[in-house]
N, C-alpha and C. Protein backbone atom coordinates (compact mmCIF):
# COMPACT_ATOMS: atom_id res chain seq x y z
N MET A 1 0.94 -0.95 0.19
CA MET A 1 -0.15 -0.13 -0.18
C MET A 1 1.03 1.27 0.30
N LEU A 2 0.41 2.05 -0.08
CA LEU A 2 1.15 3.01 -0.73
C LEU A 2 0.96 4.29 0.48
N ARG A 3 2.38 4.72 1.20
CA ARG A 3 1.93 5.26 2.39
C ARG A 3 2.63 6.95 2.24
N SER A 4 2.68 7.36 2.90
CA SER A 4 2.15 8.81 2.84
C SER A 4 4.64 9.63 3.06
N ILE A 5 4.14 10.95 2.16
CA ILE A 5 6.00 10.51 2.35
C ILE A 5 6.06 11.24 3.96
N GLY A 6 7.19 10.61 4.24
CA GLY A 6 8.02 11.30 5.60
C GLY A 6 9.47 11.83 5.56
N LEU A 7 9.72 12.60 6.34
CA LEU A 7 11.37 13.20 6.31
C LEU A 7 12.35 12.42 5.83
N PRO A 8 12.68 11.30 6.19
CA PRO A 8 13.41 11.06 5.10
C PRO A 8 13.15 10.97 3.28
N GLU A 9 12.33 10.88 3.24
CA GLU A 9 11.69 11.20 1.72
C GLU A 9 12.12 12.44 1.48
N LEU A 10 11.08 13.46 1.96
CA LEU A 10 11.78 14.56 1.36
C LEU A 10 13.14 14.75 1.68
N VAL A 11 13.85 14.58 2.25
CA VAL A 11 15.53 14.94 2.73
C VAL A 11 16.52 14.37 1.42
N VAL A 12 16.05 13.04 0.86
CA VAL A 12 16.45 12.82 -0.35
C VAL A 12 16.08 13.64 -1.82
N ILE A 13 14.91 14.18 -1.56
CA ILE A 13 14.42 14.98 -2.81
C ILE A 13 14.68 15.78 -2.56
N LEU A 14 14.82 16.95 -1.34
CA LEU A 14 15.89 17.75 -2.01
C LEU A 14 17.40 17.87 -2.20
N VAL A 15 18.48 16.28 -2.09
CA VAL A 15 19.61 16.34 -2.08
C VAL A 15 19.71 16.29 -3.26
N ILE A 16 19.16 15.37 -4.07
CA ILE A 16 18.73 15.25 -5.54
C ILE A 16 18.36 16.74 -6.03
N ALA A 17 17.48 17.32 -5.72
CA ALA A 17 16.91 19.07 -6.25
C ALA A 17 18.86 19.46 -6.29
N VAL A 18 19.51 19.88 -4.84
CA VAL A 18 20.62 20.12 -5.19
C VAL A 18 21.32 19.94 -5.79
N VAL A 19 21.89 18.88 -6.23
CA VAL A 19 22.01 17.95 -6.78
C VAL A 19 21.83 18.70 -8.55
N LEU A 20 20.58 18.57 -8.70
CA LEU A 20 20.42 18.80 -10.74
C LEU A 20 20.36 20.39 -10.57
N PHE A 21 20.29 20.62 -9.61
CA PHE A 21 20.59 22.11 -9.95
C PHE A 21 20.89 23.25 -9.26
N GLY A 22 21.71 22.99 -8.03
CA GLY A 22 22.63 23.69 -7.52
C GLY A 22 22.14 24.63 -6.81
N GLY A 23 22.67 25.00 -5.44
CA GLY A 23 22.43 25.25 -5.19
C GLY A 23 21.84 27.14 -4.83
N LYS A 24 22.16 27.61 -5.71
CA LYS A 24 21.76 29.60 -6.23
C LYS A 24 20.69 29.27 -7.02
N LYS A 25 20.41 28.05 -7.79
CA LYS A 25 19.00 27.98 -8.59
C LYS A 25 18.07 27.90 -7.59
N ILE A 26 17.82 26.77 -6.76
CA ILE A 26 16.42 26.44 -6.12
C ILE A 26 16.35 27.62 -5.56
N PRO A 27 16.53 28.61 -5.04
CA PRO A 27 15.60 30.03 -4.52
C PRO A 27 14.29 30.26 -6.06
N GLU A 28 15.04 30.21 -7.21
CA GLU A 28 14.71 30.82 -8.28
C GLU A 28 13.92 30.25 -8.48
N LEU A 29 14.10 29.19 -8.46
CA LEU A 29 12.84 27.80 -9.13
C LEU A 29 11.62 28.09 -8.22
N ALA A 30 12.09 28.13 -6.27
CA ALA A 30 10.51 28.24 -5.52
C ALA A 30 9.92 29.41 -5.25
N LYS A 31 10.51 30.13 -5.96
CA LYS A 31 10.12 32.11 -6.75
C LYS A 31 8.96 31.45 -7.96
N GLY A 32 10.02 31.08 -9.15
CA GLY A 32 8.75 30.86 -9.90
C GLY A 32 7.43 29.73 -9.48
N LEU A 33 7.85 29.06 -9.05
CA LEU A 33 6.75 28.17 -8.73
C LEU A 33 5.70 28.51 -7.48
N GLY A 34 6.25 29.41 -6.68
CA GLY A 34 5.29 30.57 -5.76
C GLY A 34 4.28 31.28 -6.66
N GLU A 35 5.19 32.25 -7.26
CA GLU A 35 4.00 32.74 -8.42
C GLU A 35 3.06 32.11 -9.22
N GLY A 36 3.68 30.93 -10.01
CA GLY A 36 2.34 30.31 -10.19
C GLY A 36 1.57 29.84 -10.09
N ILE A 37 1.81 29.29 -8.24
CA ILE A 37 0.25 28.48 -8.17
C ILE A 37 -0.09 30.14 -7.68
N ARG A 38 0.70 30.79 -7.27
CA ARG A 38 -0.91 32.28 -6.45
C ARG A 38 -1.68 32.68 -8.06
N ASN A 39 -1.12 33.01 -9.10
CA ASN A 39 -1.48 33.02 -10.35
C ASN A 39 -2.55 32.28 -10.58
N PHE A 40 -2.05 31.00 -10.60
CA PHE A 40 -3.43 29.99 -10.62
C PHE A 40 -4.62 29.75 -9.79
N LYS A 41 -4.70 30.45 -8.18
CA LYS A 41 -5.11 30.23 -7.69
C LYS A 41 -6.10 32.27 -7.95
N ASP A 42 -5.23 33.10 -8.35
CA ASP A 42 -5.87 33.92 -8.45
C ASP A 42 -7.01 34.32 -9.75
N SER A 43 -6.74 33.09 -11.00
CA SER A 43 -7.39 32.94 -11.82
C SER A 43 -8.53 31.89 -11.84
N LEU A 44 -8.20 31.29 -10.56
CA LEU A 44 -9.53 30.41 -10.22
C LEU A 44 -10.58 31.17 -9.16
N LYS A 45 -10.09 32.04 -8.62
CA LYS A 45 -10.98 32.56 -8.18
C LYS A 45 -12.04 33.95 -8.49
N GLY A 46 -11.63 34.35 -9.87
CA GLY A 46 -11.67 35.49 -10.30
C GLY A 46 -11.22 36.53 -10.35
N ASP A 47 -10.70 36.72 -9.49
CA ASP A 47 -9.91 38.50 -8.79
C ASP A 47 -9.76 38.84 -10.26
N ALA A 48 -10.26 40.47 -9.39
CA ALA A 48 -10.69 41.41 -10.64
C ALA A 48 -8.78 42.33 -10.69
N SER A 49 -8.26 41.72 -9.19
CA SER A 49 -6.89 42.35 -9.80
C SER A 49 -5.59 41.87 -10.67
N ALA A 50 -5.88 40.79 -11.10
CA ALA A 50 -5.50 39.39 -11.99
C ALA A 50 -5.86 40.38 -13.03
N THR A 51 -6.61 40.88 -12.95
CA THR A 51 -6.94 41.63 -14.91
C THR A 51 -6.00 42.35 -15.33
N THR A 52 -5.79 43.00 -16.47
CA THR A 52 -4.80 43.71 -16.88
C THR A 52 -5.95 45.20 -17.14
N PRO A 53 -4.99 46.68 -16.80
CA PRO A 53 -5.79 47.83 -17.13
C PRO A 53 -6.80 47.86 -18.93
N ASP A 54 -6.09 47.26 -19.25
CA ASP A 54 -7.15 47.08 -20.64
C ASP A 54 -8.32 46.38 -20.45
N ASP A 55 -8.13 45.68 -19.94
CA ASP A 55 -9.57 44.15 -19.28
C ASP A 55 -10.25 44.93 -19.14
N LYS A 56 -10.43 45.98 -17.67
CA LYS A 56 -11.17 46.95 -17.20
C LYS A 56 -12.05 47.96 -18.68
N LYS A 57 -10.62 48.62 -19.36
CA LYS A 57 -11.71 49.21 -20.18
C LYS A 57 -12.61 48.77 -20.77
N GLN A 58 -12.37 47.53 -21.97
CA GLN A 58 -13.32 46.26 -23.04
C GLN A 58 -14.14 46.32 -21.96
N ALA A 59 -14.50 46.21 -20.99
CA ALA A 59 -15.92 45.51 -19.57
C ALA A 59 -17.03 46.50 -19.81
């Protein structure tokens, strides 16, 4: 049966990520991932602040 991911598995994943991407690239990847998730959530909400000013003029 499948079990949840524990601390040892997370450590292994983190080590692999550092080896593949390097220590300097990881914060940039995390920032991009966070922005992508935020944009996705805003689009699901239909947030008015997520639209561009041109979209507001046409409405």
